[in-house]
Amino acid sequence: MQDFRDLQVWQKAHQLTLSVYRATASFPDAERYGLSSQMRRCSASIGANIAEGCGRGGRKDFARFLRVATGSASELDYHLLLAKDLGMIGAEDYGRLAGDVVEVGRMLAGLLRKLTTEN
């Protein structure tokens, strides 16, 4: 069993989740159970799926969880755009967070490629 904390992609995903929590703290109260909750949930899902995949027995299971994490990153990407378009986050925060999502997505794709091409 590999320790997920040692993976750079998990470390980056964890930092992204912390940033999303900070960014959504200032959302309107009306969004507490709406967009704010969705953004927090899908951002946390990225790291959680990486961690769960590490705890599984083999490459195939790990790859499956990395694909789920990739889907959560795509979901977060959309929610960030929606939050920006609704004026809940500024352009600077959006740019930084969206860039982090892209980076995590690339890292997930690279790890997934490595897992599926190694013997």
PDB file of N, CA and C in Angstrom:
ATOM      1  N   MET A   1       0.842  -1.189   0.000  1.00  0.00           N
ATOM      2  CA  MET A   1       0.000   0.000   0.000  1.00  0.00           C
ATOM      3  C   MET A   1       0.886   1.250   0.000  1.00  0.00           C
ATOM      4  N   GLN A   2       0.640   2.115  -0.941  1.00  0.00           N
ATOM      5  CA  GLN A   2       1.398   3.355  -1.078  1.00  0.00           C
ATOM      6  C   GLN A   2       0.749   4.447  -0.233  1.00  0.00           C
ATOM      7  N   ASP A   3       1.572   5.270   0.409  1.00  0.00           N
ATOM      8  CA  ASP A   3       1.040   6.372   1.205  1.00  0.00           C
ATOM      9  C   ASP A   3       0.673   7.519   0.265  1.00  0.00           C
ATOM     10  N   PHE A   4      -0.597   7.843   0.208  1.00  0.00           N
ATOM     11  CA  PHE A   4      -1.077   8.892  -0.691  1.00  0.00           C
ATOM     12  C   PHE A   4      -0.417  10.229  -0.413  1.00  0.00           C
ATOM     13  N   ARG A   5      -0.009  10.471   0.823  1.00  0.00           N
ATOM     14  CA  ARG A   5       0.609  11.752   1.186  1.00  0.00           C
ATOM     15  C   ARG A   5       1.931  11.996   0.457  1.00  0.00           C
ATOM     16  N   ASP A   6       2.539  10.915  -0.030  1.00  0.00           N
ATOM     17  CA  ASP A   6       3.805  11.028  -0.749  1.00  0.00           C
ATOM     18  C   ASP A   6       3.623  11.436  -2.205  1.00  0.00           C
ATOM     19  N   LEU A   7       2.418  11.357  -2.711  1.00  0.00           N
ATOM     20  CA  LEU A   7       2.158  11.695  -4.116  1.00  0.00           C
ATOM     21  C   LEU A   7       2.033  13.204  -4.296  1.00  0.00           C
ATOM     22  N   GLN A   8       2.792  13.742  -5.232  1.00  0.00           N
ATOM     23  CA  GLN A   8       2.725  15.185  -5.497  1.00  0.00           C
ATOM     24  C   GLN A   8       1.337  15.612  -5.949  1.00  0.00           C
ATOM     25  N   VAL A   9       0.663  14.753  -6.716  1.00  0.00           N
ATOM     26  CA  VAL A   9      -0.678  15.109  -7.192  1.00  0.00           C
ATOM     27  C   VAL A   9      -1.648  15.214  -6.014  1.00  0.00           C
ATOM     28  N   TRP A  10      -1.510  14.342  -5.014  1.00  0.00           N
ATOM     29  CA  TRP A  10      -2.374  14.454  -3.850  1.00  0.00           C
ATOM     30  C   TRP A  10      -2.060  15.740  -3.084  1.00  0.00           C
ATOM     31  N   GLN A  11      -0.781  16.053  -2.918  1.00  0.00           N
ATOM     32  CA  GLN A  11      -0.378  17.267  -2.203  1.00  0.00           C
ATOM     33  C   GLN A  11      -0.958  18.506  -2.885  1.00  0.00           C
ATOM     34  N   LYS A  12      -0.884  18.541  -4.219  1.00  0.00           N
ATOM     35  CA  LYS A  12      -1.421  19.673  -4.977  1.00  0.00           C
ATOM     36  C   LYS A  12      -2.952  19.710  -4.858  1.00  0.00           C
ATOM     37  N   ALA A  13      -3.590  18.561  -4.928  1.00  0.00           N
ATOM     38  CA  ALA A  13      -5.051  18.496  -4.800  1.00  0.00           C
ATOM     39  C   ALA A  13      -5.487  18.943  -3.407  1.00  0.00           C
ATOM     40  N   HIS A  14      -4.737  18.571  -2.396  1.00  0.00           N
ATOM     41  CA  HIS A  14      -5.067  18.976  -1.029  1.00  0.00           C
ATOM     42  C   HIS A  14      -4.957  20.495  -0.882  1.00  0.00           C
ATOM     43  N   GLN A  15      -3.910  21.077  -1.426  1.00  0.00           N
ATOM     44  CA  GLN A  15      -3.759  22.532  -1.370  1.00  0.00           C
ATOM     45  C   GLN A  15      -4.888  23.230  -2.130  1.00  0.00           C
ATOM     46  N   LEU A  16      -5.294  22.648  -3.248  1.00  0.00           N
ATOM     47  CA  LEU A  16      -6.421  23.188  -4.019  1.00  0.00           C
ATOM     48  C   LEU A  16      -7.694  23.165  -3.176  1.00  0.00           C
ATOM     49  N   THR A  17      -7.935  22.074  -2.476  1.00  0.00           N
ATOM     50  CA  THR A  17      -9.126  21.975  -1.625  1.00  0.00           C
ATOM     51  C   THR A  17      -9.111  23.034  -0.540  1.00  0.00           C
ATOM     52  N   LEU A  18      -7.963  23.222   0.086  1.00  0.00           N
ATOM     53  CA  LEU A  18      -7.856  24.267   1.110  1.00  0.00           C
ATOM     54  C   LEU A  18      -8.147  25.641   0.511  1.00  0.00           C
ATOM     55  N   SER A  19      -7.652  25.895  -0.690  1.00  0.00           N
ATOM     56  CA  SER A  19      -7.903  27.175  -1.360  1.00  0.00           C
ATOM     57  C   SER A  19      -9.371  27.358  -1.697  1.00  0.00           C
ATOM     58  N   VAL A  20     -10.026  26.282  -2.117  1.00  0.00           N
ATOM     59  CA  VAL A  20     -11.461  26.353  -2.427  1.00  0.00           C
ATOM     60  C   VAL A  20     -12.258  26.644  -1.158  1.00  0.00           C
ATOM     61  N   TYR A  21     -11.902  26.012  -0.060  1.00  0.00           N
ATOM     62  CA  TYR A  21     -12.593  26.284   1.207  1.00  0.00           C
ATOM     63  C   TYR A  21     -12.436  27.758   1.592  1.00  0.00           C
ATOM     64  N   ARG A  22     -11.235  28.287   1.431  1.00  0.00           N
ATOM     65  CA  ARG A  22     -11.020  29.708   1.761  1.00  0.00           C
ATOM     66  C   ARG A  22     -11.819  30.612   0.818  1.00  0.00           C
ATOM     67  N   ALA A  23     -11.821  30.291  -0.470  1.00  0.00           N
ATOM     68  CA  ALA A  23     -12.518  31.125  -1.451  1.00  0.00           C
ATOM     69  C   ALA A  23     -14.031  31.114  -1.237  1.00  0.00           C
ATOM     70  N   THR A  24     -14.572  29.981  -0.832  1.00  0.00           N
ATOM     71  CA  THR A  24     -16.030  29.884  -0.660  1.00  0.00           C
ATOM     72  C   THR A  24     -16.507  30.395   0.692  1.00  0.00           C
ATOM     73  N   ALA A  25     -15.596  30.676   1.587  1.00  0.00           N
ATOM     74  CA  ALA A  25     -15.980  31.172   2.919  1.00  0.00           C
ATOM     75  C   ALA A  25     -16.721  32.502   2.831  1.00  0.00           C
ATOM     76  N   SER A  26     -16.458  33.263   1.780  1.00  0.00           N
ATOM     77  CA  SER A  26     -17.099  34.575   1.643  1.00  0.00           C
ATOM     78  C   SER A  26     -18.340  34.543   0.747  1.00  0.00           C
ATOM     79  N   PHE A  27     -18.759  33.368   0.312  1.00  0.00           N
ATOM     80  CA  PHE A  27     -19.958  33.264  -0.516  1.00  0.00           C
ATOM     81  C   PHE A  27     -21.187  33.684   0.299  1.00  0.00           C
ATOM     82  N   PRO A  28     -22.227  34.134  -0.366  1.00  0.00           N
ATOM     83  CA  PRO A  28     -23.455  34.516   0.347  1.00  0.00           C
ATOM     84  C   PRO A  28     -24.039  33.328   1.131  1.00  0.00           C
ATOM     85  N   ASP A  29     -24.686  33.640   2.236  1.00  0.00           N
ATOM     86  CA  ASP A  29     -25.307  32.590   3.047  1.00  0.00           C
ATOM     87  C   ASP A  29     -26.283  31.742   2.240  1.00  0.00           C
ATOM     88  N   ALA A  30     -26.916  32.345   1.269  1.00  0.00           N
ATOM     89  CA  ALA A  30     -27.883  31.613   0.444  1.00  0.00           C
ATOM     90  C   ALA A  30     -27.211  30.484  -0.344  1.00  0.00           C
ATOM     91  N   GLU A  31     -25.902  30.552  -0.512  1.00  0.00           N
ATOM     92  CA  GLU A  31     -25.174  29.532  -1.258  1.00  0.00           C
ATOM     93  C   GLU A  31     -24.506  28.494  -0.361  1.00  0.00           C
ATOM     94  N   ARG A  32     -24.740  28.582   0.941  1.00  0.00           N
ATOM     95  CA  ARG A  32     -24.108  27.638   1.875  1.00  0.00           C
ATOM     96  C   ARG A  32     -24.385  26.190   1.491  1.00  0.00           C
ATOM     97  N   TYR A  33     -25.608  25.892   1.077  1.00  0.00           N
ATOM     98  CA  TYR A  33     -25.971  24.524   0.700  1.00  0.00           C
ATOM     99  C   TYR A  33     -26.076  24.371  -0.811  1.00  0.00           C
ATOM    100  N   GLY A  34     -25.647  25.362  -1.533  1.00  0.00           N
ATOM    101  CA  GLY A  34     -25.691  25.324  -2.990  1.00  0.00           C
ATOM    102  C   GLY A  34     -24.301  25.238  -3.584  1.00  0.00           C
ATOM    103  N   LEU A  35     -23.924  26.277  -4.275  1.00  0.00           N
ATOM    104  CA  LEU A  35     -22.660  26.282  -5.003  1.00  0.00           C
ATOM    105  C   LEU A  35     -21.457  26.101  -4.082  1.00  0.00           C
ATOM    106  N   SER A  36     -21.465  26.739  -2.943  1.00  0.00           N
ATOM    107  CA  SER A  36     -20.354  26.605  -2.001  1.00  0.00           C
ATOM    108  C   SER A  36     -20.155  25.146  -1.599  1.00  0.00           C
ATOM    109  N   SER A  37     -21.231  24.491  -1.234  1.00  0.00           N
ATOM    110  CA  SER A  37     -21.170  23.088  -0.830  1.00  0.00           C
ATOM    111  C   SER A  37     -20.698  22.209  -1.980  1.00  0.00           C
ATOM    112  N   GLN A  38     -21.209  22.453  -3.181  1.00  0.00           N
ATOM    113  CA  GLN A  38     -20.811  21.663  -4.356  1.00  0.00           C
ATOM    114  C   GLN A  38     -19.321  21.808  -4.635  1.00  0.00           C
ATOM    115  N   MET A  39     -18.819  23.033  -4.570  1.00  0.00           N
ATOM    116  CA  MET A  39     -17.407  23.277  -4.849  1.00  0.00           C
ATOM    117  C   MET A  39     -16.522  22.607  -3.807  1.00  0.00           C
ATOM    118  N   ARG A  40     -16.914  22.698  -2.566  1.00  0.00           N
ATOM    119  CA  ARG A  40     -16.131  22.072  -1.503  1.00  0.00           C
ATOM    120  C   ARG A  40     -16.145  20.554  -1.648  1.00  0.00           C
ATOM    121  N   ARG A  41     -17.306  20.027  -1.954  1.00  0.00           N
ATOM    122  CA  ARG A  41     -17.451  18.573  -2.067  1.00  0.00           C
ATOM    123  C   ARG A  41     -16.624  18.010  -3.230  1.00  0.00           C
ATOM    124  N   CYS A  42     -16.710  18.636  -4.406  1.00  0.00           N
ATOM    125  CA  CYS A  42     -15.972  18.075  -5.538  1.00  0.00           C
ATOM    126  C   CYS A  42     -14.476  18.315  -5.406  1.00  0.00           C
ATOM    127  N   SER A  43     -14.061  19.418  -4.780  1.00  0.00           N
ATOM    128  CA  SER A  43     -12.620  19.622  -4.588  1.00  0.00           C
ATOM    129  C   SER A  43     -12.068  18.593  -3.606  1.00  0.00           C
ATOM    130  N   ALA A  44     -12.786  18.325  -2.525  1.00  0.00           N
ATOM    131  CA  ALA A  44     -12.340  17.322  -1.564  1.00  0.00           C
ATOM    132  C   ALA A  44     -12.351  15.922  -2.169  1.00  0.00           C
ATOM    133  N   SER A  45     -13.246  15.698  -3.099  1.00  0.00           N
ATOM    134  CA  SER A  45     -13.347  14.401  -3.751  1.00  0.00           C
ATOM    135  C   SER A  45     -12.098  14.061  -4.562  1.00  0.00           C
ATOM    136  N   ILE A  46     -11.424  15.063  -5.079  1.00  0.00           N
ATOM    137  CA  ILE A  46     -10.211  14.804  -5.858  1.00  0.00           C
ATOM    138  C   ILE A  46      -9.174  14.102  -4.970  1.00  0.00           C
ATOM    139  N   GLY A  47      -8.813  14.734  -3.878  1.00  0.00           N
ATOM    140  CA  GLY A  47      -7.830  14.148  -2.968  1.00  0.00           C
ATOM    141  C   GLY A  47      -8.310  12.865  -2.322  1.00  0.00           C
ATOM    142  N   ALA A  48      -9.591  12.807  -1.984  1.00  0.00           N
ATOM    143  CA  ALA A  48     -10.134  11.615  -1.339  1.00  0.00           C
ATOM    144  C   ALA A  48     -10.060  10.403  -2.258  1.00  0.00           C
ATOM    145  N   ASN A  49     -10.327  10.600  -3.540  1.00  0.00           N
ATOM    146  CA  ASN A  49     -10.254   9.476  -4.480  1.00  0.00           C
ATOM    147  C   ASN A  49      -8.822   9.040  -4.742  1.00  0.00           C
ATOM    148  N   ILE A  50      -7.893   9.980  -4.740  1.00  0.00           N
ATOM    149  CA  ILE A  50      -6.484   9.610  -4.854  1.00  0.00           C
ATOM    150  C   ILE A  50      -6.096   8.757  -3.645  1.00  0.00           C
ATOM    151  N   ALA A  51      -6.496   9.213  -2.461  1.00  0.00           N
ATOM    152  CA  ALA A  51      -6.179   8.482  -1.234  1.00  0.00           C
ATOM    153  C   ALA A  51      -6.808   7.090  -1.239  1.00  0.00           C
ATOM    154  N   GLU A  52      -8.066   7.015  -1.611  1.00  0.00           N
ATOM    155  CA  GLU A  52      -8.734   5.717  -1.617  1.00  0.00           C
ATOM    156  C   GLU A  52      -8.107   4.777  -2.629  1.00  0.00           C
ATOM    157  N   GLY A  53      -7.758   5.304  -3.785  1.00  0.00           N
ATOM    158  CA  GLY A  53      -7.103   4.478  -4.803  1.00  0.00           C
ATOM    159  C   GLY A  53      -5.775   3.926  -4.334  1.00  0.00           C
ATOM    160  N   CYS A  54      -5.042   4.718  -3.578  1.00  0.00           N
ATOM    161  CA  CYS A  54      -3.763   4.253  -3.018  1.00  0.00           C
ATOM    162  C   CYS A  54      -3.971   3.110  -2.038  1.00  0.00           C
ATOM    163  N   GLY A  55      -5.093   3.110  -1.377  1.00  0.00           N
ATOM    164  CA  GLY A  55      -5.374   2.079  -0.393  1.00  0.00           C
ATOM    165  C   GLY A  55      -5.902   0.791  -0.991  1.00  0.00           C
ATOM    166  N   ARG A  56      -6.160   0.796  -2.273  1.00  0.00           N
ATOM    167  CA  ARG A  56      -6.662  -0.400  -2.941  1.00  0.00           C
ATOM    168  C   ARG A  56      -5.501  -1.304  -3.322  1.00  0.00           C
ATOM    169  N   GLY A  57      -5.833  -2.513  -3.709  1.00  0.00           N
ATOM    170  CA  GLY A  57      -4.821  -3.528  -3.931  1.00  0.00           C
ATOM    171  C   GLY A  57      -3.965  -3.406  -5.173  1.00  0.00           C
ATOM    172  N   GLY A  58      -4.490  -2.893  -6.244  1.00  0.00           N
ATOM    173  CA  GLY A  58      -3.712  -2.959  -7.470  1.00  0.00           C
ATOM    174  C   GLY A  58      -3.858  -1.745  -8.362  1.00  0.00           C
ATOM    175  N   ARG A  59      -3.122  -1.802  -9.447  1.00  0.00           N
ATOM    176  CA  ARG A  59      -3.096  -0.694 -10.413  1.00  0.00           C
ATOM    177  C   ARG A  59      -4.471  -0.405 -11.029  1.00  0.00           C
ATOM    178  N   LYS A  60      -5.196  -1.477 -11.331  1.00  0.00           N
ATOM    179  CA  LYS A  60      -6.493  -1.303 -11.993  1.00  0.00           C
ATOM    180  C   LYS A  60      -7.455  -0.504 -11.104  1.00  0.00           C
ATOM    181  N   ASP A  61      -7.513  -0.860  -9.828  1.00  0.00           N
ATOM    182  CA  ASP A  61      -8.365  -0.120  -8.888  1.00  0.00           C
ATOM    183  C   ASP A  61      -7.872   1.317  -8.727  1.00  0.00           C
ATOM    184  N   PHE A  62      -6.556   1.482  -8.593  1.00  0.00           N
ATOM    185  CA  PHE A  62      -5.986   2.814  -8.434  1.00  0.00           C
ATOM    186  C   PHE A  62      -6.341   3.672  -9.648  1.00  0.00           C
ATOM    187  N   ALA A  63      -6.204   3.111 -10.841  1.00  0.00           N
ATOM    188  CA  ALA A  63      -6.523   3.845 -12.073  1.00  0.00           C
ATOM    189  C   ALA A  63      -7.995   4.263 -12.094  1.00  0.00           C
ATOM    190  N   ARG A  64      -8.866   3.377 -11.639  1.00  0.00           N
ATOM    191  CA  ARG A  64     -10.307   3.697 -11.609  1.00  0.00           C
ATOM    192  C   ARG A  64     -10.567   4.899 -10.705  1.00  0.00           C
ATOM    193  N   PHE A  65      -9.936   4.929  -9.539  1.00  0.00           N
ATOM    194  CA  PHE A  65     -10.132   6.049  -8.622  1.00  0.00           C
ATOM    195  C   PHE A  65      -9.501   7.335  -9.161  1.00  0.00           C
ATOM    196  N   LEU A  66      -8.413   7.216  -9.895  1.00  0.00           N
ATOM    197  CA  LEU A  66      -7.820   8.406 -10.518  1.00  0.00           C
ATOM    198  C   LEU A  66      -8.759   8.985 -11.573  1.00  0.00           C
ATOM    199  N   ARG A  67      -9.477   8.120 -12.272  1.00  0.00           N
ATOM    200  CA  ARG A  67     -10.459   8.602 -13.255  1.00  0.00           C
ATOM    201  C   ARG A  67     -11.606   9.338 -12.562  1.00  0.00           C
ATOM    202  N   VAL A  68     -12.030   8.830 -11.426  1.00  0.00           N
ATOM    203  CA  VAL A  68     -13.081   9.512 -10.655  1.00  0.00           C
ATOM    204  C   VAL A  68     -12.566  10.875 -10.184  1.00  0.00           C
ATOM    205  N   ALA A  69     -11.319  10.912  -9.716  1.00  0.00           N
ATOM    206  CA  ALA A  69     -10.720  12.180  -9.282  1.00  0.00           C
ATOM    207  C   ALA A  69     -10.664  13.170 -10.438  1.00  0.00           C
ATOM    208  N   THR A  70     -10.369  12.678 -11.628  1.00  0.00           N
ATOM    209  CA  THR A  70     -10.325  13.533 -12.816  1.00  0.00           C
ATOM    210  C   THR A  70     -11.711  14.111 -13.113  1.00  0.00           C
ATOM    211  N   GLY A  71     -12.739  13.303 -12.949  1.00  0.00           N
ATOM    212  CA  GLY A  71     -14.102  13.789 -13.139  1.00  0.00           C
ATOM    213  C   GLY A  71     -14.457  14.865 -12.127  1.00  0.00           C
ATOM    214  N   SER A  72     -14.024  14.693 -10.900  1.00  0.00           N
ATOM    215  CA  SER A  72     -14.280  15.702  -9.866  1.00  0.00           C
ATOM    216  C   SER A  72     -13.545  17.004 -10.185  1.00  0.00           C
ATOM    217  N   ALA A  73     -12.353  16.897 -10.743  1.00  0.00           N
ATOM    218  CA  ALA A  73     -11.607  18.097 -11.140  1.00  0.00           C
ATOM    219  C   ALA A  73     -12.344  18.840 -12.251  1.00  0.00           C
ATOM    220  N   SER A  74     -12.922  18.107 -13.190  1.00  0.00           N
ATOM    221  CA  SER A  74     -13.705  18.743 -14.258  1.00  0.00           C
ATOM    222  C   SER A  74     -14.944  19.428 -13.695  1.00  0.00           C
ATOM    223  N   GLU A  75     -15.582  18.788 -12.742  1.00  0.00           N
ATOM    224  CA  GLU A  75     -16.750  19.378 -12.090  1.00  0.00           C
ATOM    225  C   GLU A  75     -16.354  20.678 -11.384  1.00  0.00           C
ATOM    226  N   LEU A  76     -15.241  20.655 -10.678  1.00  0.00           N
ATOM    227  CA  LEU A  76     -14.770  21.858  -9.987  1.00  0.00           C
ATOM    228  C   LEU A  76     -14.447  22.959 -10.989  1.00  0.00           C
ATOM    229  N   ASP A  77     -13.871  22.596 -12.106  1.00  0.00           N
ATOM    230  CA  ASP A  77     -13.544  23.577 -13.142  1.00  0.00           C
ATOM    231  C   ASP A  77     -14.804  24.341 -13.562  1.00  0.00           C
ATOM    232  N   TYR A  78     -15.893  23.615 -13.778  1.00  0.00           N
ATOM    233  CA  TYR A  78     -17.153  24.279 -14.140  1.00  0.00           C
ATOM    234  C   TYR A  78     -17.691  25.145 -12.998  1.00  0.00           C
ATOM    235  N   HIS A  79     -17.686  24.620 -11.793  1.00  0.00           N
ATOM    236  CA  HIS A  79     -18.207  25.383 -10.657  1.00  0.00           C
ATOM    237  C   HIS A  79     -17.426  26.675 -10.431  1.00  0.00           C
ATOM    238  N   LEU A  80     -16.125  26.641 -10.664  1.00  0.00           N
ATOM    239  CA  LEU A  80     -15.324  27.865 -10.548  1.00  0.00           C
ATOM    240  C   LEU A  80     -15.757  28.896 -11.580  1.00  0.00           C
ATOM    241  N   LEU A  81     -15.973  28.439 -12.808  1.00  0.00           N
ATOM    242  CA  LEU A  81     -16.434  29.345 -13.866  1.00  0.00           C
ATOM    243  C   LEU A  81     -17.790  29.939 -13.508  1.00  0.00           C
ATOM    244  N   LEU A  82     -18.688  29.105 -13.008  1.00  0.00           N
ATOM    245  CA  LEU A  82     -20.009  29.585 -12.596  1.00  0.00           C
ATOM    246  C   LEU A  82     -19.893  30.617 -11.485  1.00  0.00           C
ATOM    247  N   ALA A  83     -19.063  30.341 -10.483  1.00  0.00           N
ATOM    248  CA  ALA A  83     -18.877  31.275  -9.368  1.00  0.00           C
ATOM    249  C   ALA A  83     -18.310  32.608  -9.865  1.00  0.00           C
ATOM    250  N   LYS A  84     -17.392  32.564 -10.815  1.00  0.00           N
ATOM    251  CA  LYS A  84     -16.836  33.794 -11.383  1.00  0.00           C
ATOM    252  C   LYS A  84     -17.923  34.557 -12.141  1.00  0.00           C
ATOM    253  N   ASP A  85     -18.668  33.852 -12.973  1.00  0.00           N
ATOM    254  CA  ASP A  85     -19.713  34.510 -13.769  1.00  0.00           C
ATOM    255  C   ASP A  85     -20.836  35.076 -12.914  1.00  0.00           C
ATOM    256  N   LEU A  86     -21.060  34.503 -11.746  1.00  0.00           N
ATOM    257  CA  LEU A  86     -22.065  35.020 -10.813  1.00  0.00           C
ATOM    258  C   LEU A  86     -21.507  36.118  -9.907  1.00  0.00           C
ATOM    259  N   GLY A  87     -20.206  36.404 -10.040  1.00  0.00           N
ATOM    260  CA  GLY A  87     -19.583  37.457  -9.258  1.00  0.00           C
ATOM    261  C   GLY A  87     -19.241  37.057  -7.834  1.00  0.00           C
ATOM    262  N   MET A  88     -19.180  35.779  -7.572  1.00  0.00           N
ATOM    263  CA  MET A  88     -18.869  35.307  -6.219  1.00  0.00           C
ATOM    264  C   MET A  88     -17.371  35.201  -5.971  1.00  0.00           C
ATOM    265  N   ILE A  89     -16.604  35.032  -7.024  1.00  0.00           N
ATOM    266  CA  ILE A  89     -15.147  35.092  -6.907  1.00  0.00           C
ATOM    267  C   ILE A  89     -14.629  36.028  -7.996  1.00  0.00           C
ATOM    268  N   GLY A  90     -13.567  36.715  -7.678  1.00  0.00           N
ATOM    269  CA  GLY A  90     -12.984  37.662  -8.608  1.00  0.00           C
ATOM    270  C   GLY A  90     -12.168  36.971  -9.683  1.00  0.00           C
ATOM    271  N   ALA A  91     -11.825  37.739 -10.702  1.00  0.00           N
ATOM    272  CA  ALA A  91     -11.083  37.208 -11.838  1.00  0.00           C
ATOM    273  C   ALA A  91      -9.712  36.671 -11.414  1.00  0.00           C
ATOM    274  N   GLU A  92      -9.064  37.349 -10.475  1.00  0.00           N
ATOM    275  CA  GLU A  92      -7.735  36.906 -10.036  1.00  0.00           C
ATOM    276  C   GLU A  92      -7.813  35.566  -9.314  1.00  0.00           C
ATOM    277  N   ASP A  93      -8.756  35.446  -8.384  1.00  0.00           N
ATOM    278  CA  ASP A  93      -8.929  34.169  -7.677  1.00  0.00           C
ATOM    279  C   ASP A  93      -9.339  33.068  -8.648  1.00  0.00           C
ATOM    280  N   TYR A  94     -10.227  33.408  -9.562  1.00  0.00           N
ATOM    281  CA  TYR A  94     -10.651  32.424 -10.560  1.00  0.00           C
ATOM    282  C   TYR A  94      -9.452  31.936 -11.367  1.00  0.00           C
ATOM    283  N   GLY A  95      -8.640  32.849 -11.846  1.00  0.00           N
ATOM    284  CA  GLY A  95      -7.484  32.474 -12.650  1.00  0.00           C
ATOM    285  C   GLY A  95      -6.531  31.558 -11.904  1.00  0.00           C
ATOM    286  N   ARG A  96      -6.285  31.880 -10.646  1.00  0.00           N
ATOM    287  CA  ARG A  96      -5.377  31.070  -9.835  1.00  0.00           C
ATOM    288  C   ARG A  96      -5.961  29.682  -9.584  1.00  0.00           C
ATOM    289  N   LEU A  97      -7.222  29.639  -9.171  1.00  0.00           N
ATOM    290  CA  LEU A  97      -7.857  28.361  -8.857  1.00  0.00           C
ATOM    291  C   LEU A  97      -8.035  27.499 -10.114  1.00  0.00           C
ATOM    292  N   ALA A  98      -8.479  28.116 -11.195  1.00  0.00           N
ATOM    293  CA  ALA A  98      -8.660  27.369 -12.445  1.00  0.00           C
ATOM    294  C   ALA A  98      -7.321  26.828 -12.943  1.00  0.00           C
ATOM    295  N   GLY A  99      -6.266  27.612 -12.790  1.00  0.00           N
ATOM    296  CA  GLY A  99      -4.933  27.142 -13.164  1.00  0.00           C
ATOM    297  C   GLY A  99      -4.504  25.953 -12.326  1.00  0.00           C
ATOM    298  N   ASP A 100      -4.833  25.997 -11.051  1.00  0.00           N
ATOM    299  CA  ASP A 100      -4.512  24.865 -10.164  1.00  0.00           C
ATOM    300  C   ASP A 100      -5.291  23.613 -10.560  1.00  0.00           C
ATOM    301  N   VAL A 101      -6.545  23.795 -10.964  1.00  0.00           N
ATOM    302  CA  VAL A 101      -7.348  22.650 -11.409  1.00  0.00           C
ATOM    303  C   VAL A 101      -6.728  22.033 -12.665  1.00  0.00           C
ATOM    304  N   VAL A 102      -6.316  22.869 -13.597  1.00  0.00           N
ATOM    305  CA  VAL A 102      -5.679  22.367 -14.816  1.00  0.00           C
ATOM    306  C   VAL A 102      -4.408  21.590 -14.475  1.00  0.00           C
ATOM    307  N   GLU A 103      -3.619  22.139 -13.562  1.00  0.00           N
ATOM    308  CA  GLU A 103      -2.380  21.459 -13.164  1.00  0.00           C
ATOM    309  C   GLU A 103      -2.670  20.106 -12.518  1.00  0.00           C
ATOM    310  N   VAL A 104      -3.631  20.059 -11.615  1.00  0.00           N
ATOM    311  CA  VAL A 104      -3.999  18.787 -10.987  1.00  0.00           C
ATOM    312  C   VAL A 104      -4.498  17.802 -12.047  1.00  0.00           C
ATOM    313  N   GLY A 105      -5.291  18.274 -12.980  1.00  0.00           N
ATOM    314  CA  GLY A 105      -5.781  17.413 -14.057  1.00  0.00           C
ATOM    315  C   GLY A 105      -4.646  16.830 -14.889  1.00  0.00           C
ATOM    316  N   ARG A 106      -3.666  17.647 -15.194  1.00  0.00           N
ATOM    317  CA  ARG A 106      -2.503  17.158 -15.954  1.00  0.00           C
ATOM    318  C   ARG A 106      -1.711  16.137 -15.142  1.00  0.00           C
ATOM    319  N   MET A 107      -1.559  16.404 -13.867  1.00  0.00           N
ATOM    320  CA  MET A 107      -0.834  15.470 -13.009  1.00  0.00           C
ATOM    321  C   MET A 107      -1.576  14.134 -12.900  1.00  0.00           C
ATOM    322  N   LEU A 108      -2.891  14.199 -12.783  1.00  0.00           N
ATOM    323  CA  LEU A 108      -3.691  12.975 -12.738  1.00  0.00           C
ATOM    324  C   LEU A 108      -3.555  12.200 -14.048  1.00  0.00           C
ATOM    325  N   ALA A 109      -3.609  12.900 -15.168  1.00  0.00           N
ATOM    326  CA  ALA A 109      -3.479  12.246 -16.468  1.00  0.00           C
ATOM    327  C   ALA A 109      -2.113  11.579 -16.611  1.00  0.00           C
ATOM    328  N   GLY A 110      -1.079  12.253 -16.146  1.00  0.00           N
ATOM    329  CA  GLY A 110       0.254  11.680 -16.218  1.00  0.00           C
ATOM    330  C   GLY A 110       0.394  10.431 -15.360  1.00  0.00           C
ATOM    331  N   LEU A 111      -0.131  10.485 -14.144  1.00  0.00           N
ATOM    332  CA  LEU A 111      -0.070   9.326 -13.264  1.00  0.00           C
ATOM    333  C   LEU A 111      -0.896   8.182 -13.829  1.00  0.00           C
ATOM    334  N   LEU A 112      -2.044   8.497 -14.367  1.00  0.00           N
ATOM    335  CA  LEU A 112      -2.902   7.477 -14.974  1.00  0.00           C
ATOM    336  C   LEU A 112      -2.206   6.838 -16.172  1.00  0.00           C
ATOM    337  N   ARG A 113      -1.565   7.639 -16.989  1.00  0.00           N
ATOM    338  CA  ARG A 113      -0.825   7.131 -18.145  1.00  0.00           C
ATOM    339  C   ARG A 113       0.297   6.193 -17.682  1.00  0.00           C
ATOM    340  N   LYS A 114       0.999   6.609 -16.647  1.00  0.00           N
ATOM    341  CA  LYS A 114       2.086   5.794 -16.107  1.00  0.00           C
ATOM    342  C   LYS A 114       1.556   4.454 -15.581  1.00  0.00           C
ATOM    343  N   LEU A 115       0.452   4.506 -14.873  1.00  0.00           N
ATOM    344  CA  LEU A 115      -0.134   3.280 -14.317  1.00  0.00           C
ATOM    345  C   LEU A 115      -0.593   2.303 -15.395  1.00  0.00           C
ATOM    346  N   THR A 116      -1.136   2.840 -16.460  1.00  0.00           N
ATOM    347  CA  THR A 116      -1.722   1.977 -17.476  1.00  0.00           C
ATOM    348  C   THR A 116      -0.723   1.519 -18.540  1.00  0.00           C
ATOM    349  N   THR A 117       0.466   2.112 -18.589  1.00  0.00           N
ATOM    350  CA  THR A 117       1.450   1.697 -19.585  1.00  0.00           C
ATOM    351  C   THR A 117       2.589   0.874 -18.999  1.00  0.00           C
ATOM    352  N   GLU A 118       2.786   0.919 -17.690  1.00  0.00           N
ATOM    353  CA  GLU A 118       3.844   0.117 -17.061  1.00  0.00           C
ATOM    354  C   GLU A 118       3.390  -1.340 -16.955  1.00  0.00           C
ATOM    355  N   ASN A 119       4.340  -2.215 -17.033  1.00  0.00           N
ATOM    356  CA  ASN A 119       4.035  -3.642 -16.882  1.00  0.00           C
ATOM    357  C   ASN A 119       4.090  -4.075 -15.453  1.00  0.00           C
TER     358      ASN A 119
END
